[in-house]
Amino acid sequence: MPGFRDEFYLWPDLSPDGQRLAIGSGAVNAGDLWVYDIPRAALTRLTFDRKSSFPLWSPDGKWIAYASILPGGASNLFRKPADGSGAQERLTESQNIQYPGSWSPDGKLLAFMETDPSTGLDIWLLPLDGDRRPQLFLRSQFLELMPVFSPDGRWLAYVSNESGREEVYAQPVPGPGQKIQISTAGGTQPVWARNGELFYRNGDQIMAVEVKTQPTFSTTPPRLLFGGPYFWFTGRSNFDVTPDGQRFLMLQSQESPATQVNVVLNWFEELKQRVRAQ
């Protein structure tokens, strides 16, 4: 896409209206955040400390939440006005490393990952009203990461390695409740479209699952949507879906190892129709 710098890009996140893109650049976990205006092809810097990562739009498009490295090496959660008009606001205080995962559709909760010395990565929910005291959502002896709210806010998709490999699961919010496995042959980086379709990665493949949360939770078998050598890095999704669910924003590596990354929009509706017709 025009306007991008010769940088290393990670964690693209489209604004709710699909017109802007928040993205991290620089070194892994130690770069800055930028906002790309797609219609205007204009790239604007949001942070300036080379300590920020994992940008995440709020549902109303007014804020971008992110992780920022603190003295001592831990990272906590912050947010900043998406237009850069105000100072950053600290959301959490912890000695553990934290990364944002997903806003609830009503903007009242922020799901995030936190490293724990005894259990590894766990999933927490941060209320953005009141005293903002984090609430534990899921902790086990295994890794739980990449939480993503369903469009109705009633379920949280996430990744766990409890089976011996990473798979995508879903559980009701706030819990407790039935855990349902979504992927069947490995899966990571879940992204939930507004129409209820859930996408995830399995290696170089993008898989799709149709999900219904009402009156009961049900899914279709995973199907291959498309594949390709698109860049990915663990921690959070490195692709996104437009609000209409018809286009995908991918990071494409131009070199190996990936030190230069271009963001490309690809139209896959025709392919999706062909897959559904099979």
Protein backbone atom coordinates (compact mmCIF):
# COMPACT_ATOMS: atom_id res chain seq x y z
CA MET A 1 0.00 0.00 0.00
CA PRO A 2 1.37 3.46 -0.86
CA GLY A 3 2.67 5.62 1.94
CA PHE A 4 4.37 2.89 3.94
CA ARG A 5 7.95 3.23 5.11
CA ASP A 6 10.73 0.70 4.70
CA GLU A 7 10.05 -0.91 8.10
CA PHE A 8 9.21 -4.17 9.82
CA TYR A 9 5.42 -4.28 10.36
CA LEU A 10 3.35 -6.35 12.79
CA TRP A 11 -0.17 -6.68 14.24
CA PRO A 12 -2.37 -4.84 11.71
CA ASP A 13 -5.76 -3.85 13.12
CA LEU A 14 -8.45 -2.20 11.02
CA SER A 15 -10.60 0.55 12.50
CA PRO A 16 -14.32 -0.24 13.00
CA ASP A 17 -15.21 1.66 9.81
CA GLY A 18 -12.45 -0.07 7.83
CA GLN A 19 -10.93 3.24 6.76
CA ARG A 20 -7.84 3.32 8.97
CA LEU A 21 -5.21 0.83 9.97
CA ALA A 22 -3.28 0.68 13.25
CA ILE A 23 0.02 -1.13 12.94
CA GLY A 24 3.28 -1.62 14.82
CA SER A 25 6.65 -1.01 13.22
CA GLY A 26 10.30 -1.41 14.11
CA ALA A 27 11.72 -4.22 16.20
CA VAL A 28 9.53 -6.96 17.64
CA ASN A 29 7.96 -5.77 20.93
CA ALA A 30 10.09 -2.61 20.85
CA GLY A 31 8.77 -0.37 18.12
CA ASP A 32 6.26 2.40 17.58
CA LEU A 33 2.64 2.51 16.50
CA TRP A 34 1.28 4.17 13.37
CA VAL A 35 -2.15 4.93 11.94
CA TYR A 36 -2.60 4.58 8.19
CA ASP A 37 -5.48 6.45 6.56
CA ILE A 38 -6.37 4.12 3.68
CA PRO A 39 -8.36 6.51 1.41
CA ARG A 40 -5.73 9.25 1.79
CA ALA A 41 -2.70 6.92 1.78
CA ALA A 42 -1.37 8.89 4.77
CA LEU A 43 0.74 7.33 7.53
CA THR A 44 0.76 9.11 10.92
CA ARG A 45 2.91 8.21 13.90
CA LEU A 46 1.02 7.57 17.15
CA THR A 47 3.80 6.72 19.65
CA PHE A 48 7.39 7.95 19.88
CA ASP A 49 9.13 5.86 22.52
CA ARG A 50 10.07 2.71 20.55
CA LYS A 51 8.47 0.67 23.35
CA SER A 52 4.95 0.04 22.03
CA SER A 53 3.27 -2.97 20.42
CA PHE A 54 -0.04 -4.79 19.79
CA PRO A 55 -2.27 -1.84 18.70
CA LEU A 56 -6.01 -2.44 19.07
CA TRP A 57 -8.90 -0.15 18.04
CA SER A 58 -11.75 0.49 20.45
CA PRO A 59 -15.23 -0.31 19.03
CA ASP A 60 -16.10 3.39 18.74
CA GLY A 61 -12.86 4.16 16.87
CA LYS A 62 -11.78 6.79 19.40
CA TRP A 63 -8.99 4.89 21.18
CA ILE A 64 -6.11 2.58 20.44
CA ALA A 65 -5.07 0.25 23.23
CA TYR A 66 -1.57 -1.19 23.21
CA ALA A 67 1.27 -2.62 25.29
CA SER A 68 4.21 -0.48 26.33
CA ILE A 69 7.46 -1.66 27.88
CA LEU A 70 8.19 -0.34 31.38
CA PRO A 71 11.52 0.05 33.19
CA GLY A 72 12.54 -3.45 34.19
CA GLY A 73 11.25 -5.10 31.04
CA ALA A 74 7.58 -5.79 31.79
CA SER A 75 4.89 -4.35 29.53
CA ASN A 76 1.51 -3.08 30.73
CA LEU A 77 -1.61 -1.87 28.97
CA PHE A 78 -2.13 1.71 27.82
CA ARG A 79 -4.49 3.55 25.52
CA LYS A 80 -4.24 6.76 23.53
CA PRO A 81 -6.69 8.77 21.41
CA ALA A 82 -6.56 7.36 17.90
CA ASP A 83 -6.12 10.82 16.39
CA GLY A 84 -3.05 11.44 18.57
CA SER A 85 -4.68 14.44 20.24
CA GLY A 86 -4.02 13.40 23.83
CA ALA A 87 -1.46 11.78 26.09
CA GLN A 88 -1.35 8.07 26.71
CA GLU A 89 -3.38 6.68 29.62
CA ARG A 90 -2.13 3.77 31.69
CA LEU A 91 -4.75 1.03 32.15
CA THR A 92 -2.97 -1.60 34.26
CA GLU A 93 -0.16 -1.88 36.78
CA SER A 94 1.61 -5.22 36.99
CA GLN A 95 5.09 -6.64 37.22
CA ASN A 96 4.10 -9.23 34.61
CA ILE A 97 4.15 -8.84 30.84
CA GLN A 98 0.74 -7.99 29.39
CA TYR A 99 -0.58 -7.72 25.83
CA PRO A 100 -4.05 -6.56 24.70
CA GLY A 101 -6.16 -9.08 22.81
CA SER A 102 -9.66 -7.73 22.08
CA TRP A 103 -12.23 -5.11 23.08
CA SER A 104 -15.75 -6.29 23.86
CA PRO A 105 -18.24 -4.92 21.27
CA ASP A 106 -19.71 -2.50 23.84
CA GLY A 107 -16.24 -1.21 24.73
CA LYS A 108 -16.66 -2.05 28.42
CA LEU A 109 -14.12 -4.88 28.63
CA LEU A 110 -10.61 -5.38 27.31
CA ALA A 111 -9.43 -8.99 27.08
CA PHE A 112 -5.69 -9.32 27.50
CA MET A 113 -2.88 -11.85 27.96
CA GLU A 114 -0.58 -11.87 30.96
CA THR A 115 2.51 -13.95 31.61
CA ASP A 116 2.67 -15.67 34.98
CA PRO A 117 5.89 -17.22 36.33
CA SER A 118 4.04 -20.39 37.38
CA THR A 119 1.41 -20.86 34.64
CA GLY A 120 2.78 -19.10 31.56
CA LEU A 121 0.25 -17.09 29.54
CA ASP A 122 -3.23 -16.56 31.02
CA ILE A 123 -6.27 -14.58 29.85
CA TRP A 124 -7.74 -11.71 31.86
CA LEU A 125 -10.63 -9.26 31.42
CA LEU A 126 -10.15 -5.57 32.27
CA PRO A 127 -13.32 -3.55 33.01
CA LEU A 128 -12.90 -0.03 31.64
CA ASP A 129 -15.44 1.42 34.05
CA GLY A 130 -15.21 1.69 37.82
CA ASP A 131 -12.02 0.65 39.59
CA ARG A 132 -10.63 -1.18 36.53
CA ARG A 133 -9.64 -4.22 38.55
CA PRO A 134 -8.62 -7.06 36.18
CA GLN A 135 -10.68 -10.25 36.39
CA LEU A 136 -9.14 -13.65 35.68
CA PHE A 137 -10.88 -15.39 32.78
CA LEU A 138 -8.76 -18.48 32.11
CA ARG A 139 -5.68 -19.94 33.79
CA SER A 140 -4.24 -23.45 33.59
CA GLN A 141 -0.94 -25.27 33.39
CA PHE A 142 -1.07 -24.69 29.62
CA LEU A 143 -0.76 -21.53 27.54
CA GLU A 144 -3.90 -19.50 26.83
CA LEU A 145 -3.51 -16.57 24.48
CA MET A 146 -4.94 -14.44 21.64
CA PRO A 147 -8.44 -13.79 23.13
CA VAL A 148 -11.02 -12.41 20.68
CA PHE A 149 -14.61 -11.43 21.53
CA SER A 150 -17.48 -12.71 19.40
CA PRO A 151 -19.57 -10.02 17.62
CA ASP A 152 -22.31 -10.30 20.27
CA GLY A 153 -19.78 -10.18 23.12
CA ARG A 154 -21.06 -13.43 24.65
CA TRP A 155 -18.08 -15.66 23.75
CA LEU A 156 -14.33 -15.41 23.72
CA ALA A 157 -12.26 -17.32 21.17
CA TYR A 158 -8.69 -18.04 22.18
CA VAL A 159 -5.72 -20.32 21.54
CA SER A 160 -4.49 -23.06 23.88
CA ASN A 161 -1.79 -25.72 23.59
CA GLU A 162 -3.49 -28.11 26.03
CA SER A 163 -3.79 -30.83 23.36
CA GLY A 164 -0.07 -30.74 22.66
CA ARG A 165 -0.40 -28.26 19.80
CA GLU A 166 -2.10 -24.91 19.39
CA GLU A 167 -5.85 -25.10 18.72
CA VAL A 168 -8.62 -22.50 18.72
CA TYR A 169 -11.30 -22.78 21.41
CA ALA A 170 -14.26 -20.70 22.57
CA GLN A 171 -15.80 -20.16 26.01
CA PRO A 172 -18.71 -17.99 27.18
CA VAL A 173 -18.07 -14.61 28.78
CA PRO A 174 -17.73 -13.94 31.67
CA GLY A 175 -17.67 -17.68 32.37
CA PRO A 176 -17.48 -20.29 33.64
CA GLY A 177 -19.05 -22.38 30.91
CA GLN A 178 -18.60 -25.03 28.28
CA LYS A 179 -15.31 -24.99 26.39
CA ILE A 180 -15.73 -25.74 22.68
CA GLN A 181 -12.88 -26.61 20.32
CA ILE A 182 -13.15 -24.72 17.02
CA SER A 183 -10.12 -25.90 15.02
CA THR A 184 -9.53 -29.60 14.39
CA ALA A 185 -6.00 -29.93 12.99
CA GLY A 186 -4.12 -27.06 14.58
CA GLY A 187 -5.01 -23.40 14.69
CA THR A 188 -3.84 -20.00 15.88
CA GLN A 189 -4.51 -16.26 15.47
CA PRO A 190 -8.34 -16.26 15.54
CA VAL A 191 -10.15 -13.29 13.98
CA TRP A 192 -13.92 -12.96 14.38
CA ALA A 193 -15.85 -11.24 11.58
CA ARG A 194 -18.96 -9.19 12.31
CA ASN A 195 -21.19 -11.72 10.53
CA GLY A 196 -20.17 -14.40 13.02
CA GLU A 197 -17.64 -16.15 10.82
CA LEU A 198 -14.44 -17.08 12.63
CA PHE A 199 -11.14 -17.17 10.75
CA TYR A 200 -7.83 -18.57 11.97
CA ARG A 201 -4.44 -19.63 10.67
CA ASN A 202 -3.09 -23.12 10.28
CA GLY A 203 0.44 -22.64 8.96
CA ASP A 204 0.15 -20.83 5.61
CA GLN A 205 -3.58 -21.54 5.38
CA ILE A 206 -6.47 -19.31 6.40
CA MET A 207 -9.34 -21.42 7.69
CA ALA A 208 -12.98 -20.38 8.11
CA VAL A 209 -15.71 -21.59 10.47
CA GLU A 210 -19.30 -20.37 10.52
CA VAL A 211 -20.39 -19.82 14.12
CA LYS A 212 -23.83 -19.32 15.65
CA THR A 213 -24.04 -18.30 19.30
CA GLN A 214 -27.86 -18.26 19.55
CA PRO A 215 -29.94 -20.08 20.70
CA THR A 216 -27.00 -22.41 21.41
CA PHE A 217 -23.39 -22.34 20.30
CA SER A 218 -22.81 -24.26 17.06
CA THR A 219 -20.13 -24.36 14.35
CA THR A 220 -19.57 -25.78 10.90
CA PRO A 221 -16.48 -27.90 10.17
CA PRO A 222 -13.39 -25.78 9.35
CA ARG A 223 -12.82 -25.20 5.65
CA LEU A 224 -9.82 -23.90 3.77
CA LEU A 225 -10.42 -20.37 2.56
CA PHE A 226 -7.06 -19.61 0.94
CA GLY A 227 -3.36 -20.06 1.50
CA GLY A 228 -0.13 -18.25 0.82
CA PRO A 229 3.26 -17.35 2.26
CA TYR A 230 1.91 -14.46 4.33
CA PHE A 231 4.01 -13.27 7.23
CA TRP A 232 2.97 -14.16 10.73
CA PHE A 233 4.40 -13.80 14.20
CA THR A 234 3.10 -15.31 17.39
CA GLY A 235 1.38 -13.29 20.11
CA ARG A 236 -1.61 -11.90 18.22
CA SER A 237 -3.17 -12.05 14.79
CA ASN A 238 -1.12 -10.69 11.91
CA PHE A 239 -4.07 -10.37 9.57
CA ASP A 240 -7.46 -8.70 9.74
CA VAL A 241 -10.85 -8.74 8.03
CA THR A 242 -12.74 -5.74 6.66
CA PRO A 243 -16.02 -4.86 8.42
CA ASP A 244 -18.08 -6.39 5.59
CA GLY A 245 -16.18 -9.68 5.95
CA GLN A 246 -15.31 -9.76 2.26
CA ARG A 247 -11.65 -8.74 2.18
CA PHE A 248 -8.56 -9.68 4.12
CA LEU A 249 -5.64 -7.52 5.10
CA MET A 250 -2.43 -9.57 5.13
CA LEU A 251 1.22 -8.89 5.81
CA GLN A 252 3.38 -10.08 2.94
CA SER A 253 7.07 -10.65 3.45
CA GLN A 254 9.34 -9.32 0.73
CA GLU A 255 12.50 -10.93 2.07
CA SER A 256 13.45 -13.90 4.20
CA PRO A 257 13.89 -13.36 7.06
CA ALA A 258 11.13 -10.75 7.07
CA THR A 259 12.76 -7.36 7.49
CA GLN A 260 10.58 -5.56 4.98
CA VAL A 261 6.83 -6.00 5.03
CA ASN A 262 4.13 -4.66 2.73
CA VAL A 263 0.46 -4.57 3.64
CA VAL A 264 -1.82 -5.83 0.88
CA LEU A 265 -5.59 -6.01 0.51
CA ASN A 266 -6.80 -9.12 -1.31
CA TRP A 267 -10.29 -9.80 -2.60
CA PHE A 268 -11.35 -13.39 -1.86
CA GLU A 269 -15.14 -13.29 -2.22
CA GLU A 270 -15.11 -15.28 -5.46
CA LEU A 271 -12.92 -17.92 -3.86
CA LYS A 272 -15.21 -18.08 -0.83
CA GLN A 273 -18.22 -18.64 -3.07
CA ARG A 274 -16.45 -21.44 -4.88
CA VAL A 275 -15.51 -23.12 -1.60
CA ARG A 276 -19.08 -22.90 -0.30
CA ALA A 277 -20.38 -24.40 -3.55
CA GLN A 278 -18.26 -27.54 -3.14
